[in-house]
Protein backbone atom coordinates (compact mmCIF):
# COMPACT_ATOMS: atom_id res chain seq x y z
CA LEU A 1 14.44 -37.82 -6.53
CA ALA A 2 16.28 -36.12 -3.72
CA ASP A 3 19.46 -36.04 -5.84
CA ASP A 4 17.53 -34.59 -8.78
CA GLU A 5 16.04 -31.89 -6.58
CA ARG A 6 19.48 -30.99 -5.21
CA ARG A 7 20.98 -30.81 -8.71
CA LEU A 8 18.12 -28.61 -9.88
CA ARG A 9 18.50 -26.22 -6.96
CA ALA A 10 22.25 -26.00 -7.63
CA THR A 11 21.49 -24.57 -11.09
CA GLY A 12 19.93 -21.48 -9.52
CA VAL A 13 16.52 -22.03 -11.11
CA PRO A 14 13.94 -20.62 -8.66
CA ALA A 15 12.09 -23.47 -6.93
CA GLU A 16 8.70 -21.91 -7.66
CA ARG A 17 9.36 -22.25 -11.40
CA VAL A 18 9.75 -26.02 -11.28
CA ALA A 19 7.30 -28.56 -9.95
CA PHE A 20 7.65 -32.31 -9.70
CA GLY A 21 4.30 -34.01 -10.26
CA GLN A 22 3.99 -37.68 -11.01
CA LEU A 23 7.21 -39.64 -10.85
CA LYS A 24 7.49 -42.57 -13.22
CA GLY A 25 9.55 -45.66 -12.62
CA TYR A 26 10.31 -48.48 -15.02
CA VAL A 27 10.22 -52.18 -14.15
CA ASP A 28 10.75 -53.60 -17.64
CA GLY A 29 10.85 -52.81 -21.33
CA SER A 30 8.49 -53.79 -24.16
CA LEU A 31 7.08 -56.92 -25.76
CA GLY A 32 8.43 -56.09 -29.21
CA SER A 33 12.02 -55.95 -28.05
CA ARG A 34 11.53 -58.99 -25.79
CA THR A 35 12.47 -56.93 -22.74
CA ALA A 36 9.05 -57.04 -21.00
CA LEU A 37 9.56 -58.99 -17.78
CA LEU A 38 7.58 -62.27 -17.82
CA PHE A 39 7.16 -65.21 -15.49
CA GLN A 40 7.83 -67.62 -18.39
CA PRO A 41 10.42 -67.28 -21.17
CA TYR A 42 9.30 -65.97 -24.54
CA CYS A 43 8.01 -68.98 -26.48
CA ASP A 44 8.33 -67.45 -29.94
CA GLU A 45 12.06 -66.74 -29.69
CA PRO A 46 14.05 -69.46 -27.90
CA GLY A 47 17.08 -68.33 -25.96
CA VAL A 48 15.82 -64.81 -25.32
CA GLY A 49 14.79 -65.53 -21.76
CA ALA A 50 11.95 -63.93 -19.80
CA GLY A 51 12.66 -60.23 -20.22
CA VAL A 52 14.95 -57.65 -18.72
CA PRO A 53 14.38 -56.04 -15.31
CA VAL A 54 15.18 -52.33 -15.17
CA LEU A 55 15.04 -52.03 -11.37
CA ASP A 56 15.21 -54.67 -8.71
CA PRO A 57 12.07 -54.95 -6.55
CA ASP A 58 13.69 -53.58 -3.37
CA THR A 59 15.00 -50.46 -5.13
CA LEU A 60 11.61 -49.82 -6.71
CA ALA A 61 9.84 -50.21 -3.35
CA ARG A 62 12.26 -47.75 -1.70
CA ARG A 63 11.74 -45.22 -4.47
CA VAL A 64 7.95 -45.53 -4.24
CA VAL A 65 8.05 -44.95 -0.48
CA ASP A 66 10.40 -41.98 -0.90
CA ALA A 67 8.20 -40.39 -3.57
CA HIS A 68 5.07 -40.94 -1.49
CA ARG A 69 6.68 -39.35 1.58
CA ARG A 70 7.52 -36.31 -0.55
CA GLY A 71 3.89 -36.04 -1.67
CA HIS A 72 4.34 -37.20 -5.27
CA GLN A 73 2.10 -39.43 -7.33
CA VAL A 74 3.83 -42.53 -8.62
CA GLY A 75 3.46 -44.12 -12.03
CA ILE A 76 5.13 -47.41 -12.88
CA HIS A 77 5.80 -48.77 -16.37
CA ALA A 78 5.13 -52.50 -16.18
CA ILE A 79 4.32 -54.36 -19.39
CA GLY A 80 5.00 -58.03 -18.60
CA ASP A 81 3.07 -60.11 -16.07
CA ARG A 82 6.08 -60.47 -13.77
CA ALA A 83 6.73 -56.71 -14.02
CA ALA A 84 3.12 -56.02 -13.05
CA ALA A 85 3.52 -58.22 -9.97
CA VAL A 86 6.72 -56.37 -8.99
CA ALA A 87 4.97 -53.01 -9.45
CA LEU A 88 1.98 -54.03 -7.36
CA ASP A 89 4.25 -55.32 -4.59
CA ALA A 90 6.08 -51.98 -4.56
CA LEU A 91 2.81 -50.07 -4.27
CA GLU A 92 1.59 -52.16 -1.34
């Protein structure tokens, strides 16, 4: 977020015209594309694995803390059961 804020300010757009509200992070993808992060591999499509992580847990936790310190709400996209666990850990 800090980098995004710096880039925005460098454009010359007045700060009062732009507001950052909720920040959304992504832990995984979707069930349909088999990218939702699960504890167990997908049983209906052998060889696909157990999903695709978008962010590692430590990076997500750091971003959540940073956003919270800046006064932002945090939303986290977590579809699979393992992704939900990662999201909850980051919010603790």
